[in-house]
Protein backbone atom coordinates (compact mmCIF):
# COMPACT_ATOMS: atom_id res chain seq x y z
CA UNK A 1 -11.82 -31.96 -28.40
CA UNK A 2 -12.59 -28.33 -29.18
CA UNK A 3 -14.50 -27.26 -26.05
CA UNK A 4 -12.79 -24.42 -24.14
CA UNK A 5 -14.63 -25.52 -20.99
CA UNK A 6 -12.95 -28.94 -21.26
CA UNK A 7 -9.56 -27.24 -21.48
CA UNK A 8 -10.31 -25.13 -18.42
CA UNK A 9 -11.43 -28.17 -16.46
CA UNK A 10 -8.29 -30.11 -17.38
CA UNK A 11 -5.94 -27.24 -16.46
CA UNK A 12 -7.70 -26.60 -13.14
CA UNK A 13 -7.85 -30.29 -12.24
CA UNK A 14 -4.26 -31.01 -13.20
CA UNK A 15 -2.59 -27.79 -12.05
CA UNK A 16 0.80 -28.74 -13.48
CA UNK A 17 2.30 -28.25 -16.93
CA UNK A 18 5.35 -28.76 -19.12
CA UNK A 19 6.50 -25.51 -20.73
CA UNK A 20 8.35 -25.98 -24.02
CA UNK A 21 10.24 -23.28 -25.91
CA UNK A 22 12.10 -23.23 -29.20
CA UNK A 23 15.27 -21.26 -28.47
CA UNK A 24 18.49 -20.33 -30.22
CA UNK A 25 20.08 -23.33 -28.47
CA UNK A 26 17.28 -25.70 -29.49
CA UNK A 27 14.12 -26.91 -27.72
CA UNK A 28 13.98 -26.67 -23.92
CA UNK A 29 11.36 -27.77 -21.39
CA UNK A 30 10.51 -26.96 -17.77
CA UNK A 31 7.77 -28.11 -15.40
CA UNK A 32 5.70 -25.79 -13.20
CA UNK A 33 2.30 -25.40 -11.52
CA UNK A 34 -0.31 -23.38 -13.43
CA UNK A 35 -3.64 -21.68 -12.84
CA UNK A 36 -6.05 -19.83 -15.11
CA UNK A 37 -6.62 -16.10 -15.02
CA UNK A 38 -9.94 -15.11 -13.46
CA UNK A 39 -12.40 -12.54 -14.77
CA UNK A 40 -11.95 -13.15 -18.48
CA UNK A 41 -13.63 -15.21 -21.16
CA UNK A 42 -10.23 -15.74 -22.75
CA UNK A 43 -8.08 -18.75 -21.94
CA UNK A 44 -5.06 -17.34 -20.09
CA UNK A 45 -2.48 -19.42 -18.21
CA UNK A 46 -0.65 -17.93 -15.22
CA UNK A 47 2.55 -19.50 -13.98
CA UNK A 48 6.14 -18.77 -13.06
CA UNK A 49 9.57 -20.19 -13.69
CA UNK A 50 12.49 -20.32 -11.30
CA UNK A 51 15.67 -18.54 -12.22
CA UNK A 52 17.61 -19.21 -14.43
CA UNK A 53 14.85 -20.86 -16.49
CA UNK A 54 13.76 -17.46 -17.80
CA UNK A 55 17.14 -17.21 -19.55
CA UNK A 56 17.11 -20.84 -20.71
CA UNK A 57 13.68 -20.24 -22.33
CA UNK A 58 14.78 -16.82 -23.66
CA UNK A 59 11.50 -15.41 -22.36
CA UNK A 60 12.33 -11.74 -22.87
CA UNK A 61 13.18 -12.43 -26.51
CA UNK A 62 10.07 -14.58 -26.98
CA UNK A 63 7.83 -11.84 -25.59
CA UNK A 64 9.52 -9.14 -27.68
CA UNK A 65 9.46 -11.19 -30.90
CA UNK A 66 5.94 -12.57 -30.43
CA UNK A 67 7.36 -16.10 -30.36
CA UNK A 68 4.97 -18.76 -29.07
CA UNK A 69 5.77 -21.32 -26.46
CA UNK A 70 3.92 -24.57 -25.84
CA UNK A 71 2.23 -25.48 -22.57
CA UNK A 72 1.46 -29.19 -22.20
CA UNK A 73 -1.09 -30.22 -19.57
CA UNK A 74 -1.17 -33.98 -19.09
CA UNK A 75 -4.32 -35.45 -17.53
CA UNK A 76 -4.79 -38.95 -16.17
CA UNK A 77 -3.18 -41.70 -18.23
CA UNK A 78 -2.46 -45.40 -17.93
CA UNK A 79 -1.79 -48.73 -19.56
CA UNK A 80 -4.69 -50.82 -20.92
CA UNK A 81 -4.13 -54.56 -21.37
CA UNK A 82 -5.86 -56.35 -24.27
CA UNK A 83 -6.69 -59.11 -21.77
CA UNK A 84 -9.31 -56.73 -20.36
CA UNK A 85 -11.30 -56.53 -23.60
CA UNK A 86 -14.30 -58.62 -24.46
CA UNK A 87 -13.41 -62.08 -25.84
CA UNK A 88 -12.53 -61.92 -29.54
CA UNK A 89 -11.73 -58.21 -29.42
CA UNK A 90 -8.38 -56.59 -30.23
CA UNK A 91 -5.13 -58.23 -29.15
CA UNK A 92 -3.26 -54.89 -29.13
CA UNK A 93 -2.51 -53.12 -25.84
CA UNK A 94 -2.86 -49.36 -25.63
CA UNK A 95 -2.36 -46.35 -23.38
CA UNK A 96 -5.34 -44.20 -22.49
CA UNK A 97 -4.76 -40.50 -21.80
CA UNK A 98 -6.02 -36.95 -21.94
CA UNK A 99 -3.66 -34.11 -22.86
CA UNK A 100 -3.94 -30.45 -23.83
CA UNK A 101 -1.41 -28.59 -25.97
CA UNK A 102 -1.74 -24.84 -25.50
CA UNK A 103 0.18 -22.26 -27.54
CA UNK A 104 0.69 -18.62 -26.68
CA UNK A 105 3.16 -15.76 -26.61
CA UNK A 106 4.44 -15.31 -23.04
CA UNK A 107 4.13 -12.01 -21.22
CA UNK A 108 6.73 -11.51 -18.49
CA UNK A 109 5.04 -10.17 -15.35
CA UNK A 110 6.24 -7.31 -13.19
CA UNK A 111 7.55 -8.27 -9.73
CA UNK A 112 4.24 -7.19 -8.16
CA UNK A 113 2.19 -9.14 -10.71
CA UNK A 114 4.44 -12.16 -10.16
CA UNK A 115 3.83 -11.96 -6.41
CA UNK A 116 0.07 -11.81 -7.09
CA UNK A 117 0.38 -14.95 -9.23
CA UNK A 118 2.37 -16.82 -6.58
CA UNK A 119 -0.25 -15.93 -3.95
CA UNK A 120 -2.97 -17.26 -6.29
CA UNK A 121 -1.05 -20.45 -7.03
CA UNK A 122 -0.57 -21.24 -3.36
CA UNK A 123 -4.21 -20.43 -2.56
CA UNK A 124 -5.38 -22.69 -5.41
CA UNK A 125 -3.62 -25.71 -3.93
CA UNK A 126 -3.79 -24.90 -0.22
CA UNK A 127 -7.59 -24.61 -0.31
CA UNK A 128 -7.75 -28.42 -0.28
CA UNK A 129 -5.52 -28.81 2.79
CA UNK A 130 -7.06 -29.35 6.25
CA UNK A 131 -5.09 -26.47 7.76
CA UNK A 132 -4.11 -24.27 4.80
CA UNK A 133 -1.09 -21.99 4.99
CA UNK A 134 -1.78 -19.02 2.75
CA UNK A 135 1.22 -17.26 1.25
CA UNK A 136 2.06 -14.15 3.26
CA UNK A 137 3.03 -11.38 0.84
CA UNK A 138 5.63 -9.80 3.11
CA UNK A 139 7.33 -13.13 3.72
CA UNK A 140 7.07 -14.13 0.05
CA UNK A 141 8.38 -10.90 -1.49
CA UNK A 142 12.11 -11.73 -1.16
CA UNK A 143 11.50 -15.37 -2.15
CA UNK A 144 9.58 -14.25 -5.24
CA UNK A 145 12.68 -12.52 -6.57
CA UNK A 146 13.99 -15.98 -7.40
CA UNK A 147 11.12 -16.51 -9.84
CA UNK A 148 9.78 -14.90 -13.01
CA UNK A 149 6.02 -14.71 -13.47
CA UNK A 150 4.36 -15.48 -16.79
CA UNK A 151 1.00 -14.66 -18.31
CA UNK A 152 0.30 -16.77 -21.39
CA UNK A 153 -2.82 -15.86 -23.41
CA UNK A 154 -3.69 -19.04 -25.29
CA UNK A 155 -4.06 -18.31 -29.00
CA UNK A 156 -4.74 -21.89 -30.04
CA UNK A 157 -5.02 -25.30 -28.46
CA UNK A 158 -5.26 -28.98 -29.26
CA UNK A 159 -6.86 -31.38 -26.77
CA UNK A 160 -6.86 -35.13 -27.19
CA UNK A 161 -8.78 -37.64 -25.12
CA UNK A 162 -7.90 -41.23 -26.05
CA UNK A 163 -10.13 -43.23 -23.74
CA UNK A 164 -11.06 -46.44 -25.59
CA UNK A 165 -13.75 -44.69 -27.65
CA UNK A 166 -12.98 -47.10 -30.50
CA UNK A 167 -13.88 -50.16 -28.44
CA UNK A 168 -17.22 -51.93 -28.09
CA UNK A 169 -19.35 -51.13 -25.00
CA UNK A 170 -18.51 -54.41 -23.25
CA UNK A 171 -14.77 -53.85 -23.67
CA UNK A 172 -15.03 -50.27 -22.43
CA UNK A 173 -16.85 -51.43 -19.30
CA UNK A 174 -14.32 -54.20 -18.71
CA UNK A 175 -11.44 -51.71 -18.99
CA UNK A 176 -13.18 -49.41 -16.50
CA UNK A 177 -13.71 -52.30 -14.10
CA UNK A 178 -10.06 -53.37 -14.31
CA UNK A 179 -8.85 -49.81 -13.75
CA UNK A 180 -10.97 -49.68 -10.60
CA UNK A 181 -9.71 -53.04 -9.33
CA UNK A 182 -6.54 -53.49 -7.23
CA UNK A 183 -3.44 -54.33 -9.21
CA UNK A 184 -0.34 -52.89 -10.88
CA UNK A 185 -2.39 -50.83 -13.35
CA UNK A 186 -5.17 -49.74 -11.02
CA UNK A 187 -6.21 -46.18 -11.88
CA UNK A 188 -9.70 -45.17 -10.63
CA UNK A 189 -9.26 -41.57 -11.82
CA UNK A 190 -8.64 -42.75 -15.37
CA UNK A 191 -11.74 -44.96 -15.06
CA UNK A 192 -13.71 -41.83 -14.08
CA UNK A 193 -12.43 -40.04 -17.21
CA UNK A 194 -13.51 -42.99 -19.36
CA UNK A 195 -16.99 -42.98 -17.79
CA UNK A 196 -17.44 -39.26 -18.33
CA UNK A 197 -16.40 -39.57 -21.97
CA UNK A 198 -18.64 -42.59 -22.56
CA UNK A 199 -21.64 -40.89 -20.94
CA UNK A 200 -21.25 -37.84 -23.18
CA UNK A 201 -21.54 -39.94 -26.34
């Protein structure tokens, strides 16, 4: 997938990412909520890390040296049994998924910019709550000192959607039906992803 709009949709829908850095001590990974920067045509990820993750990821050095880090955004995923396929189809099970790999050089935010980002992050998720609690800046200011804000302009990305596109139409429909049915591998959201992909083709 090469569509920037698809990347934006996945990041906004998922809202959570794995941040991977190559450091002097080897590869390290952390997991944090993410949003996209508004008011730009560029793809820019905003997030934060809790201390001491900024030292573990060597973020100051990465920013100074222009060293990229990797942001992995994992969409819906789940097991697909070959028993769901049309008779006579493949006997191999698989795992359907959507994932985006985003690369960019991190920019460490100022304390004020970090607070802005934290306010945006909370607003992004609280908007779906019945009685949202917005982040009060005065209350949050001392808490924010325990975090380091990041702005990551995405310079390149790789998005993969493996959603049974290689299967015949009957098998695809049967997989969708099984994902919607009750059971240990029930996953209606993954079924929705499969339908959207099928309908685009």
